[in-house]
Protein backbone atom coordinates (compact mmCIF):
# COMPACT_ATOMS: atom_id res chain seq x y z
CA UNK A 1 40.54 198.66 192.25
CA UNK A 2 42.18 202.08 191.76
CA UNK A 3 38.82 203.74 190.91
CA UNK A 4 37.41 202.36 194.12
CA UNK A 5 40.38 203.62 196.12
CA UNK A 6 40.22 207.06 194.48
CA UNK A 7 36.52 207.34 195.32
CA UNK A 8 37.16 206.51 198.98
CA UNK A 9 40.14 208.87 199.08
CA UNK A 10 38.08 211.70 197.59
CA UNK A 11 35.35 211.13 200.17
CA UNK A 12 37.87 211.19 203.02
CA UNK A 13 39.53 214.32 201.65
CA UNK A 14 36.14 216.05 201.45
CA UNK A 15 35.30 214.95 205.01
CA UNK A 16 38.56 216.40 206.30
CA UNK A 17 37.98 219.67 204.39
CA UNK A 18 34.44 219.89 205.75
CA UNK A 19 35.64 219.36 209.32
CA UNK A 20 38.07 222.24 208.79
CA UNK A 21 35.35 224.47 207.34
CA UNK A 22 36.88 224.40 203.86
CA UNK A 23 34.16 222.62 201.88
CA UNK A 24 31.62 225.20 200.66
CA UNK A 25 29.89 222.70 198.35
CA UNK A 26 28.87 220.39 201.19
CA UNK A 27 25.15 220.21 201.89
CA UNK A 28 24.34 219.69 205.54
CA UNK A 29 20.79 218.90 206.58
CA UNK A 30 20.01 219.84 210.14
CA UNK A 31 16.68 219.00 211.69
CA UNK A 32 15.17 220.92 214.52
CA UNK A 33 14.18 219.39 217.82
CA UNK A 34 10.55 218.33 217.98
CA UNK A 35 7.85 218.04 220.62
CA UNK A 36 7.00 214.38 220.15
CA UNK A 37 4.07 214.39 222.55
CA UNK A 38 2.53 217.36 220.74
CA UNK A 39 2.95 215.70 217.33
CA UNK A 40 1.26 212.53 218.61
CA UNK A 41 -1.55 214.51 220.26
CA UNK A 42 -2.23 216.50 217.06
CA UNK A 43 -2.56 213.20 215.22
CA UNK A 44 -5.08 211.99 217.81
CA UNK A 45 -3.18 208.78 218.50
CA UNK A 46 -2.43 206.95 221.71
CA UNK A 47 1.20 206.10 222.44
CA UNK A 48 0.58 202.52 221.35
CA UNK A 49 -1.09 203.58 218.09
CA UNK A 50 1.63 206.10 217.26
CA UNK A 51 4.46 203.71 218.04
CA UNK A 52 2.87 200.94 215.98
CA UNK A 53 2.07 203.21 213.03
CA UNK A 54 5.64 204.48 212.69
CA UNK A 55 7.75 201.54 213.81
CA UNK A 56 8.83 202.99 217.14
CA UNK A 57 8.87 201.03 220.37
CA UNK A 58 6.43 202.33 222.98
CA UNK A 59 9.29 202.47 225.46
CA UNK A 60 11.35 204.70 223.16
CA UNK A 61 8.33 206.92 222.51
CA UNK A 62 7.78 207.35 226.24
CA UNK A 63 11.42 208.31 226.76
CA UNK A 64 11.15 210.93 224.00
CA UNK A 65 7.94 212.34 225.44
CA UNK A 66 9.40 212.57 228.94
CA UNK A 67 12.58 214.17 227.61
CA UNK A 68 14.83 211.39 228.95
CA UNK A 69 16.09 210.84 225.43
CA UNK A 70 15.96 212.74 222.17
CA UNK A 71 15.23 211.29 218.75
CA UNK A 72 18.07 211.47 216.26
CA UNK A 73 18.93 210.26 212.78
CA UNK A 74 16.09 208.84 210.68
CA UNK A 75 13.65 209.03 213.61
CA UNK A 76 14.21 212.78 213.91
CA UNK A 77 13.71 213.17 210.17
CA UNK A 78 10.44 211.21 210.33
CA UNK A 79 9.19 213.27 213.27
CA UNK A 80 10.01 216.54 211.50
CA UNK A 81 8.05 215.38 208.45
CA UNK A 82 5.17 214.22 210.66
CA UNK A 83 5.13 217.64 212.30
CA UNK A 84 4.83 219.41 208.94
CA UNK A 85 2.98 216.94 206.71
CA UNK A 86 1.34 214.19 208.78
CA UNK A 87 -1.20 213.29 206.10
CA UNK A 88 1.53 212.79 203.50
CA UNK A 89 3.29 210.31 205.78
CA UNK A 90 0.06 208.47 206.58
CA UNK A 91 -0.82 208.31 202.89
CA UNK A 92 2.64 206.99 202.02
CA UNK A 93 2.31 204.25 204.65
CA UNK A 94 -1.17 203.17 203.57
CA UNK A 95 -1.05 199.88 201.64
CA UNK A 96 -1.84 200.35 197.97
CA UNK A 97 -4.98 198.72 196.68
CA UNK A 98 -4.74 196.68 193.53
């Protein structure tokens, strides 16, 4: 149990240091805002097709496109990858043939 505790303690200590700007080894990934409508248009997909292909609700997609809401977390990561490498994402999502 002490190894488990020490691991959690170390993580918390690092989080506190990072919040104080004292953790130079921390790697922070920041993703830029994306133009969701433009990404979808470049892929030649309707809202329904795009939402279905990437596991997004059509309602959420519409909110993003209107600017009512902004994607964040894994959705923002996916959209950034789609913006840069759409064919790689499509290939990765294509079922493998046996």
